[in-house]
Every structure is written in structure tokens, then in C-alpha cells.
Amino acid sequence: MRVIETSPDDPVTAGLLAAYFAERVDGFTAGRYRVASPDPAQFQPPGVFLRIDEDEGAPLACGGLREIAPAEDGRRMEVKHLYVAPAARGSGLGRRLLTLLEAHARREGAAWLVLDTNRSLEAAAGLYRTSGFASVPPFNDNPNATDWYAKRIAGA
């Protein structure tokens, strides 16, 4: 497996994101899913966008990290578009990618890692809870989100 720093507009990464959005539209349970293509500028340093490929080159997973407005007690970075291709689900790639993004946020000095999700993504919610995230009040106005999570990663 290879971990690649990429951009949401890289053609291979964009293909994974297109699959992600298609799944979200097809499986959305609360009205209509609003597709919002990620702005590559949001994932420039201190943010990052990562992709995991098979050694042979097939893309398997992607996800990004962007800095958002700080909390009263420190900088926040938000996980966005964490996606594992169906053929790779259950292999631990989602956890590996989340761990890599968290390590990046720590190196960048973030105090908090935050994310939002939809309750229809039960496996994702399980991953977040078992990775130390706790449910928090909404921190954004994402119309697709029903659940918000945060994890303190620096300081106390």
C-alpha cells in the first residue's frame, strides 16, 4: 500500500470522490444529499489530502484535513470526505487513514480534531467512537450532517 499526498482535483482522487458522492446520493436517508465538491485550496498546508493506493496503483481510500476556526481552547482541524472503496472496506484502511490524518493534525499543532457525519453512515460512526471521538453540538451548518464529533489531540 502507498500513501500519497494529493489534491481533491487530482484525476485519480477525483474519481474516488465521485464514487463517494454517488454512494452518498444513493444512500441518503434524510431528504436530498447536497454534493459540495471540495475546494482544493482548503486542503493546502496546514491541511492535507491523502489517498491510499494498492502497490499496483488501484486507489482504495482518501480523506482530507482542513483547518477551521479555532475553539476557545485551541486550533481545530476538520476531517473531510473520509472514503474507503467498497472492495477495501473491513480491511482497516479507514482507521489507518484516520490515524494518518490525526498524526498530521498533531504535527500542525491542532488541539482538536473534529468532523461531521450522517447517522446513516453507521460504520463510520463506529470508527469515530472507537477512535476516541465524542459527540458534540453542531459546529457548522452542513445540511447533510446529523452528527458532529470532536477529539482532543493536544493539551488538556
N, C-alpha and C. Protein backbone atom coordinates (compact mmCIF):
# COMPACT_ATOMS: atom_id res chain seq x y z
N MET A 1 0.84 -1.18 0.00
CA MET A 1 0.00 0.00 0.00
C MET A 1 0.89 1.24 0.00
N ARG A 2 0.41 2.24 -0.70
CA ARG A 2 1.13 3.51 -0.78
C ARG A 2 0.22 4.63 -0.29
N VAL A 3 0.76 5.52 0.54
CA VAL A 3 0.05 6.71 0.99
C VAL A 3 0.59 7.88 0.18
N ILE A 4 -0.32 8.61 -0.44
CA ILE A 4 0.06 9.69 -1.35
C ILE A 4 -0.58 10.99 -0.89
N GLU A 5 0.22 12.05 -0.77
CA GLU A 5 -0.36 13.38 -0.58
C GLU A 5 -0.85 13.83 -1.94
N THR A 6 -2.09 14.25 -1.99
CA THR A 6 -2.73 14.55 -3.27
C THR A 6 -3.59 15.79 -3.13
N SER A 7 -4.44 15.99 -4.07
CA SER A 7 -5.39 17.10 -4.06
C SER A 7 -6.75 16.57 -4.49
N PRO A 8 -7.83 17.14 -4.00
CA PRO A 8 -9.15 16.67 -4.43
C PRO A 8 -9.38 16.77 -5.93
N ASP A 9 -8.62 17.63 -6.61
CA ASP A 9 -8.80 17.75 -8.06
C ASP A 9 -7.83 16.90 -8.88
N ASP A 10 -6.97 16.13 -8.22
CA ASP A 10 -6.17 15.14 -8.93
C ASP A 10 -7.12 14.15 -9.59
N PRO A 11 -6.92 13.77 -10.84
CA PRO A 11 -7.90 12.91 -11.53
C PRO A 11 -8.21 11.59 -10.82
N VAL A 12 -7.21 10.94 -10.26
CA VAL A 12 -7.46 9.66 -9.58
C VAL A 12 -8.24 9.90 -8.29
N THR A 13 -7.83 10.90 -7.53
CA THR A 13 -8.52 11.24 -6.29
C THR A 13 -9.94 11.71 -6.59
N ALA A 14 -10.11 12.50 -7.63
CA ALA A 14 -11.44 12.97 -8.02
C ALA A 14 -12.35 11.80 -8.36
N GLY A 15 -11.79 10.74 -8.94
CA GLY A 15 -12.58 9.54 -9.22
C GLY A 15 -13.09 8.88 -7.95
N LEU A 16 -12.24 8.80 -6.93
CA LEU A 16 -12.68 8.25 -5.64
C LEU A 16 -13.75 9.13 -5.02
N LEU A 17 -13.56 10.44 -5.08
CA LEU A 17 -14.56 11.35 -4.52
C LEU A 17 -15.88 11.27 -5.27
N ALA A 18 -15.83 11.07 -6.58
CA ALA A 18 -17.07 10.91 -7.36
C ALA A 18 -17.82 9.67 -6.90
N ALA A 19 -17.09 8.58 -6.63
CA ALA A 19 -17.73 7.36 -6.12
C ALA A 19 -18.33 7.62 -4.74
N TYR A 20 -17.60 8.35 -3.90
CA TYR A 20 -18.09 8.71 -2.56
C TYR A 20 -19.40 9.49 -2.66
N PHE A 21 -19.42 10.52 -3.48
CA PHE A 21 -20.63 11.34 -3.61
C PHE A 21 -21.78 10.54 -4.20
N ALA A 22 -21.50 9.67 -5.17
CA ALA A 22 -22.57 8.84 -5.76
C ALA A 22 -23.18 7.93 -4.70
N GLU A 23 -22.35 7.34 -3.85
CA GLU A 23 -22.86 6.50 -2.76
C GLU A 23 -23.70 7.31 -1.78
N ARG A 24 -23.24 8.51 -1.47
CA ARG A 24 -23.99 9.35 -0.53
C ARG A 24 -25.35 9.73 -1.10
N VAL A 25 -25.40 10.09 -2.38
CA VAL A 25 -26.68 10.45 -3.01
C VAL A 25 -27.62 9.25 -3.00
N ASP A 26 -27.09 8.07 -3.38
CA ASP A 26 -27.93 6.86 -3.45
C ASP A 26 -28.40 6.39 -2.09
N GLY A 27 -27.57 6.56 -1.06
CA GLY A 27 -27.90 6.02 0.25
C GLY A 27 -28.41 7.03 1.26
N PHE A 28 -28.61 8.24 0.84
CA PHE A 28 -29.01 9.29 1.77
C PHE A 28 -30.44 9.06 2.23
N THR A 29 -30.65 9.11 3.53
CA THR A 29 -31.96 8.77 4.10
C THR A 29 -32.77 9.97 4.55
N ALA A 30 -32.19 11.16 4.50
CA ALA A 30 -32.89 12.33 5.05
C ALA A 30 -33.03 13.41 3.99
N GLY A 31 -33.97 13.23 3.09
CA GLY A 31 -34.16 14.22 2.05
C GLY A 31 -33.17 14.07 0.93
N ARG A 32 -32.66 15.19 0.45
CA ARG A 32 -31.76 15.18 -0.70
C ARG A 32 -30.34 15.52 -0.25
N TYR A 33 -29.39 14.70 -0.66
CA TYR A 33 -27.99 14.95 -0.33
C TYR A 33 -27.47 16.09 -1.20
N ARG A 34 -26.81 17.04 -0.58
CA ARG A 34 -26.22 18.17 -1.31
C ARG A 34 -24.75 17.89 -1.55
N VAL A 35 -24.39 17.68 -2.81
CA VAL A 35 -22.99 17.44 -3.17
C VAL A 35 -22.25 18.77 -3.18
N ALA A 36 -21.17 18.82 -2.44
CA ALA A 36 -20.31 20.01 -2.40
C ALA A 36 -18.88 19.56 -2.68
N SER A 37 -18.47 19.71 -3.91
CA SER A 37 -17.11 19.31 -4.28
C SER A 37 -16.10 20.09 -3.45
N PRO A 38 -15.10 19.40 -2.92
CA PRO A 38 -14.14 20.08 -2.06
C PRO A 38 -13.27 21.07 -2.82
N ASP A 39 -13.03 22.20 -2.21
CA ASP A 39 -12.15 23.22 -2.76
C ASP A 39 -10.71 22.82 -2.43
N PRO A 40 -9.90 22.53 -3.45
CA PRO A 40 -8.52 22.11 -3.17
C PRO A 40 -7.74 23.08 -2.29
N ALA A 41 -8.05 24.37 -2.37
CA ALA A 41 -7.32 25.36 -1.56
C ALA A 41 -7.51 25.12 -0.07
N GLN A 42 -8.63 24.54 0.33
CA GLN A 42 -8.89 24.29 1.75
C GLN A 42 -7.97 23.21 2.33
N PHE A 43 -7.35 22.43 1.47
CA PHE A 43 -6.52 21.32 1.94
C PHE A 43 -5.03 21.59 1.76
N GLN A 44 -4.70 22.84 1.47
CA GLN A 44 -3.30 23.24 1.42
C GLN A 44 -2.79 23.34 2.86
N PRO A 45 -1.45 23.31 3.05
CA PRO A 45 -0.92 23.41 4.41
C PRO A 45 -1.52 24.59 5.17
N PRO A 46 -1.89 24.38 6.41
CA PRO A 46 -1.56 23.23 7.25
C PRO A 46 -2.43 22.00 6.99
N GLY A 47 -3.40 22.08 6.12
CA GLY A 47 -4.23 20.92 5.80
C GLY A 47 -3.50 19.95 4.89
N VAL A 48 -4.21 18.88 4.54
CA VAL A 48 -3.63 17.86 3.66
C VAL A 48 -4.78 17.03 3.09
N PHE A 49 -4.55 16.43 1.94
CA PHE A 49 -5.49 15.46 1.38
C PHE A 49 -4.67 14.23 1.03
N LEU A 50 -5.08 13.07 1.55
CA LEU A 50 -4.33 11.83 1.37
C LEU A 50 -5.14 10.82 0.58
N ARG A 51 -4.42 9.96 -0.13
CA ARG A 51 -5.03 8.83 -0.83
C ARG A 51 -4.18 7.60 -0.54
N ILE A 52 -4.84 6.47 -0.34
CA ILE A 52 -4.14 5.20 -0.17
C ILE A 52 -4.42 4.37 -1.41
N ASP A 53 -3.34 3.92 -2.06
CA ASP A 53 -3.44 3.09 -3.25
C ASP A 53 -2.84 1.72 -2.98
N GLU A 54 -3.30 0.73 -3.73
CA GLU A 54 -2.62 -0.56 -3.73
C GLU A 54 -1.24 -0.35 -4.32
N ASP A 55 -0.32 -1.26 -4.03
CA ASP A 55 1.01 -1.16 -4.62
C ASP A 55 0.94 -1.16 -6.14
N GLU A 56 -0.04 -1.87 -6.70
CA GLU A 56 -0.22 -1.93 -8.15
C GLU A 56 -0.84 -0.66 -8.70
N GLY A 57 -1.31 0.22 -7.83
CA GLY A 57 -1.80 1.51 -8.28
C GLY A 57 -3.28 1.77 -8.12
N ALA A 58 -4.10 0.76 -7.85
CA ALA A 58 -5.54 0.99 -7.72
C ALA A 58 -5.84 1.83 -6.49
N PRO A 59 -6.62 2.91 -6.64
CA PRO A 59 -6.96 3.74 -5.49
C PRO A 59 -7.97 3.04 -4.58
N LEU A 60 -7.74 3.13 -3.27
CA LEU A 60 -8.59 2.43 -2.30
C LEU A 60 -9.30 3.35 -1.32
N ALA A 61 -8.67 4.45 -0.95
CA ALA A 61 -9.25 5.30 0.11
C ALA A 61 -8.70 6.71 -0.03
N CYS A 62 -9.47 7.66 0.50
CA CYS A 62 -8.99 9.04 0.52
C CYS A 62 -9.65 9.79 1.67
N GLY A 63 -9.07 10.91 2.00
CA GLY A 63 -9.63 11.76 3.03
C GLY A 63 -8.77 12.99 3.21
N GLY A 64 -9.39 14.04 3.71
CA GLY A 64 -8.67 15.29 3.86
C GLY A 64 -8.79 15.88 5.25
N LEU A 65 -7.99 16.89 5.45
CA LEU A 65 -7.94 17.59 6.72
C LEU A 65 -7.77 19.07 6.40
N ARG A 66 -8.63 19.90 6.98
CA ARG A 66 -8.53 21.34 6.76
C ARG A 66 -8.65 22.06 8.09
N GLU A 67 -7.98 23.19 8.18
CA GLU A 67 -8.08 24.00 9.40
C GLU A 67 -9.37 24.80 9.34
N ILE A 68 -10.07 24.86 10.47
CA ILE A 68 -11.28 25.67 10.58
C ILE A 68 -11.09 26.66 11.73
N ALA A 69 -12.08 27.49 11.97
CA ALA A 69 -11.98 28.48 13.05
C ALA A 69 -11.62 27.80 14.36
N PRO A 70 -10.73 28.41 15.14
CA PRO A 70 -10.31 27.78 16.39
C PRO A 70 -11.42 27.76 17.43
N ALA A 71 -11.30 26.82 18.34
CA ALA A 71 -12.15 26.79 19.54
C ALA A 71 -11.51 27.73 20.56
N GLU A 72 -12.21 27.99 21.65
CA GLU A 72 -11.65 28.87 22.68
C GLU A 72 -10.36 28.31 23.25
N ASP A 73 -10.22 26.98 23.21
CA ASP A 73 -9.05 26.35 23.82
C ASP A 73 -8.13 25.69 22.80
N GLY A 74 -8.08 26.21 21.59
CA GLY A 74 -7.07 25.71 20.66
C GLY A 74 -7.53 25.58 19.22
N ARG A 75 -6.54 25.35 18.36
CA ARG A 75 -6.78 25.19 16.93
C ARG A 75 -7.57 23.92 16.64
N ARG A 76 -8.42 23.99 15.61
CA ARG A 76 -9.21 22.83 15.19
C ARG A 76 -8.91 22.50 13.73
N MET A 77 -8.81 21.21 13.47
CA MET A 77 -8.71 20.72 12.10
C MET A 77 -9.86 19.75 11.89
N GLU A 78 -10.47 19.84 10.70
CA GLU A 78 -11.66 19.05 10.40
C GLU A 78 -11.34 17.97 9.37
N VAL A 79 -11.74 16.74 9.68
CA VAL A 79 -11.64 15.62 8.75
C VAL A 79 -12.78 15.74 7.75
N LYS A 80 -12.44 15.61 6.46
CA LYS A 80 -13.44 15.72 5.41
C LYS A 80 -13.29 14.57 4.40
N HIS A 81 -14.43 14.09 3.93
CA HIS A 81 -14.50 13.15 2.81
C HIS A 81 -13.67 11.88 3.02
N LEU A 82 -13.73 11.33 4.24
CA LEU A 82 -13.05 10.06 4.51
C LEU A 82 -13.84 8.97 3.79
N TYR A 83 -13.21 8.31 2.84
CA TYR A 83 -13.90 7.33 1.99
C TYR A 83 -13.00 6.14 1.74
N VAL A 84 -13.59 4.95 1.86
CA VAL A 84 -12.91 3.70 1.52
C VAL A 84 -13.75 3.02 0.45
N ALA A 85 -13.11 2.65 -0.65
CA ALA A 85 -13.81 1.98 -1.74
C ALA A 85 -14.44 0.69 -1.23
N PRO A 86 -15.60 0.31 -1.76
CA PRO A 86 -16.30 -0.88 -1.26
C PRO A 86 -15.43 -2.13 -1.19
N ALA A 87 -14.59 -2.36 -2.17
CA ALA A 87 -13.76 -3.58 -2.19
C ALA A 87 -12.75 -3.61 -1.05
N ALA A 88 -12.44 -2.46 -0.46
CA ALA A 88 -11.42 -2.39 0.60
C ALA A 88 -12.03 -2.23 1.99
N ARG A 89 -13.34 -2.17 2.09
CA ARG A 89 -13.97 -1.98 3.40
C ARG A 89 -13.75 -3.21 4.28
N GLY A 90 -13.58 -2.95 5.56
CA GLY A 90 -13.33 -4.04 6.51
C GLY A 90 -11.86 -4.40 6.61
N SER A 91 -11.01 -3.72 5.86
CA SER A 91 -9.58 -4.04 5.84
C SER A 91 -8.77 -3.19 6.82
N GLY A 92 -9.41 -2.23 7.48
CA GLY A 92 -8.70 -1.35 8.40
C GLY A 92 -8.17 -0.08 7.75
N LEU A 93 -8.44 0.10 6.46
CA LEU A 93 -7.93 1.30 5.78
C LEU A 93 -8.55 2.58 6.31
N GLY A 94 -9.82 2.54 6.67
CA GLY A 94 -10.46 3.74 7.23
C GLY A 94 -9.77 4.17 8.50
N ARG A 95 -9.48 3.22 9.38
CA ARG A 95 -8.79 3.53 10.64
C ARG A 95 -7.37 4.02 10.36
N ARG A 96 -6.69 3.36 9.42
CA ARG A 96 -5.33 3.78 9.08
C ARG A 96 -5.32 5.22 8.56
N LEU A 97 -6.26 5.53 7.67
CA LEU A 97 -6.32 6.88 7.11
C LEU A 97 -6.65 7.91 8.20
N LEU A 98 -7.59 7.58 9.06
CA LEU A 98 -7.94 8.49 10.16
C LEU A 98 -6.74 8.72 11.08
N THR A 99 -5.98 7.67 11.35
CA THR A 99 -4.78 7.78 12.19
C THR A 99 -3.74 8.68 11.52
N LEU A 100 -3.56 8.53 10.22
CA LEU A 100 -2.62 9.38 9.49
C LEU A 100 -3.04 10.85 9.53
N LEU A 101 -4.33 11.09 9.36
CA LEU A 101 -4.83 12.47 9.40
C LEU A 101 -4.67 13.06 10.81
N GLU A 102 -4.93 12.25 11.83
CA GLU A 102 -4.75 12.73 13.20
C GLU A 102 -3.28 13.07 13.46
N ALA A 103 -2.37 12.22 13.00
CA ALA A 103 -0.94 12.49 13.19
C ALA A 103 -0.54 13.79 12.50
N HIS A 104 -1.09 14.03 11.33
CA HIS A 104 -0.80 15.28 10.61
C HIS A 104 -1.30 16.48 11.42
N ALA A 105 -2.52 16.38 11.94
CA ALA A 105 -3.09 17.47 12.73
C ALA A 105 -2.23 17.75 13.97
N ARG A 106 -1.74 16.71 14.61
CA ARG A 106 -0.87 16.88 15.78
C ARG A 106 0.41 17.63 15.38
N ARG A 107 1.02 17.18 14.27
CA ARG A 107 2.25 17.84 13.81
C ARG A 107 2.02 19.32 13.49
N GLU A 108 0.82 19.65 13.06
CA GLU A 108 0.49 21.03 12.72
C GLU A 108 0.07 21.85 13.94
N GLY A 109 0.03 21.21 15.11
CA GLY A 109 -0.27 21.93 16.34
C GLY A 109 -1.74 22.09 16.67
N ALA A 110 -2.59 21.29 16.05
CA ALA A 110 -4.02 21.37 16.36
C ALA A 110 -4.29 20.81 17.75
N ALA A 111 -5.24 21.41 18.44
CA ALA A 111 -5.68 20.91 19.74
C ALA A 111 -6.86 19.96 19.59
N TRP A 112 -7.64 20.17 18.54
CA TRP A 112 -8.87 19.39 18.33
C TRP A 112 -8.93 18.85 16.91
N LEU A 113 -9.43 17.64 16.79
CA LEU A 113 -9.79 17.05 15.51
C LEU A 113 -11.31 16.93 15.53
N VAL A 114 -11.98 17.48 14.54
CA VAL A 114 -13.44 17.47 14.50
C VAL A 114 -13.91 16.91 13.17
N LEU A 115 -15.17 16.49 13.14
CA LEU A 115 -15.77 16.01 11.90
C LEU A 115 -17.28 15.99 12.05
N ASP A 116 -17.94 15.94 10.91
CA ASP A 116 -19.38 15.72 10.93
C ASP A 116 -19.69 14.53 10.04
N THR A 117 -20.84 13.93 10.28
CA THR A 117 -21.25 12.77 9.50
C THR A 117 -22.77 12.69 9.52
N ASN A 118 -23.27 11.70 8.84
CA ASN A 118 -24.71 11.46 8.81
C ASN A 118 -24.98 10.13 9.50
N ARG A 119 -26.04 10.06 10.28
CA ARG A 119 -26.31 8.85 11.06
C ARG A 119 -26.50 7.61 10.18
N SER A 120 -26.76 7.79 8.89
CA SER A 120 -26.89 6.63 8.00
C SER A 120 -25.54 5.93 7.79
N LEU A 121 -24.45 6.60 8.12
CA LEU A 121 -23.11 6.01 7.98
C LEU A 121 -22.70 5.36 9.30
N GLU A 122 -23.35 4.26 9.61
CA GLU A 122 -23.16 3.60 10.91
C GLU A 122 -21.74 3.11 11.11
N ALA A 123 -21.13 2.54 10.07
CA ALA A 123 -19.76 2.05 10.23
C ALA A 123 -18.80 3.20 10.51
N ALA A 124 -19.02 4.33 9.85
CA ALA A 124 -18.16 5.50 10.09
C ALA A 124 -18.31 5.98 11.53
N ALA A 125 -19.54 6.05 12.01
CA ALA A 125 -19.76 6.49 13.39
C ALA A 125 -19.06 5.55 14.37
N GLY A 126 -19.11 4.26 14.10
CA GLY A 126 -18.41 3.29 14.94
C GLY A 126 -16.91 3.51 14.93
N LEU A 127 -16.35 3.78 13.75
CA LEU A 127 -14.93 4.07 13.64
C LEU A 127 -14.56 5.30 14.46
N TYR A 128 -15.36 6.34 14.36
CA TYR A 128 -15.05 7.57 15.09
C TYR A 128 -15.12 7.35 16.60
N ARG A 129 -16.15 6.68 17.06
CA ARG A 129 -16.29 6.44 18.51
C ARG A 129 -15.14 5.59 19.04
N THR A 130 -14.78 4.53 18.32
CA THR A 130 -13.70 3.66 18.79
C THR A 130 -12.32 4.29 18.60
N SER A 131 -12.26 5.40 17.90
CA SER A 131 -11.00 6.14 17.73
C SER A 131 -10.89 7.30 18.71
N GLY A 132 -11.83 7.38 19.65
CA GLY A 132 -11.74 8.38 20.70
C GLY A 132 -12.54 9.65 20.49
N PHE A 133 -13.34 9.70 19.45
CA PHE A 133 -14.18 10.88 19.21
C PHE A 133 -15.42 10.82 20.09
N ALA A 134 -15.87 11.98 20.53
CA ALA A 134 -17.09 12.10 21.33
C ALA A 134 -18.08 12.99 20.58
N SER A 135 -19.34 12.70 20.79
CA SER A 135 -20.40 13.50 20.19
C SER A 135 -20.37 14.91 20.78
N VAL A 136 -20.53 15.92 19.91
CA VAL A 136 -20.53 17.32 20.34
C VAL A 136 -21.67 18.05 19.65
N PRO A 137 -22.03 19.23 20.15
CA PRO A 137 -23.04 20.04 19.45
C PRO A 137 -22.54 20.42 18.05
N PRO A 138 -23.44 20.75 17.15
CA PRO A 138 -23.02 21.15 15.80
C PRO A 138 -22.03 22.31 15.83
N PHE A 139 -20.98 22.20 15.02
CA PHE A 139 -20.01 23.28 14.89
C PHE A 139 -20.04 23.90 13.50
N ASN A 140 -20.94 23.42 12.64
CA ASN A 140 -21.10 24.00 11.31
C ASN A 140 -22.56 23.85 10.88
N ASP A 141 -22.85 24.31 9.68
CA ASP A 141 -24.23 24.24 9.19
C ASP A 141 -24.35 23.30 7.99
N ASN A 142 -23.56 22.25 7.97
CA ASN A 142 -23.60 21.27 6.88
C ASN A 142 -25.00 20.65 6.81
N PRO A 143 -25.73 20.85 5.71
CA PRO A 143 -27.09 20.32 5.63
C PRO A 143 -27.15 18.80 5.55
N ASN A 144 -26.03 18.15 5.23
CA ASN A 144 -26.00 16.69 5.14
C ASN A 144 -25.71 16.02 6.48
N ALA A 145 -25.21 16.78 7.43
CA ALA A 145 -24.77 16.22 8.71
C ALA A 145 -25.92 16.10 9.70
N THR A 146 -25.86 15.02 10.47
CA THR A 146 -26.79 14.83 11.58
C THR A 146 -26.03 14.65 12.89
N ASP A 147 -24.74 14.35 12.80
CA ASP A 147 -23.93 14.07 13.98
C ASP A 147 -22.58 14.76 13.83
N TRP A 148 -22.10 15.30 14.95
CA TRP A 148 -20.83 16.01 14.98
C TRP A 148 -19.97 15.38 16.07
N TYR A 149 -18.67 15.27 15.80
CA TYR A 149 -17.75 14.63 16.73
C TYR A 149 -16.50 15.50 16.91
N ALA A 150 -15.85 15.32 18.05
CA ALA A 150 -14.58 16.00 18.32
C ALA A 150 -13.70 15.09 19.16
N LYS A 151 -12.40 15.30 19.00
CA LYS A 151 -11.40 14.56 19.78
C LYS A 151 -10.29 15.53 20.15
N ARG A 152 -10.01 15.62 21.43
CA ARG A 152 -8.90 16.46 21.91
C ARG A 152 -7.62 15.71 21.60
N ILE A 153 -6.70 16.36 20.88
CA ILE A 153 -5.46 15.67 20.50
C ILE A 153 -4.22 16.35 21.05
N ALA A 154 -4.38 17.50 21.71
CA ALA A 154 -3.23 18.19 22.30
C ALA A 154 -3.68 18.94 23.54
N GLY A 155 -2.78 19.02 24.53
CA GLY A 155 -3.11 19.75 25.76
C GLY A 155 -4.19 19.06 26.56
N ALA A 156 -4.64 19.73 27.59
CA ALA A 156 -5.71 19.15 28.42
C ALA A 156 -6.63 20.21 28.94
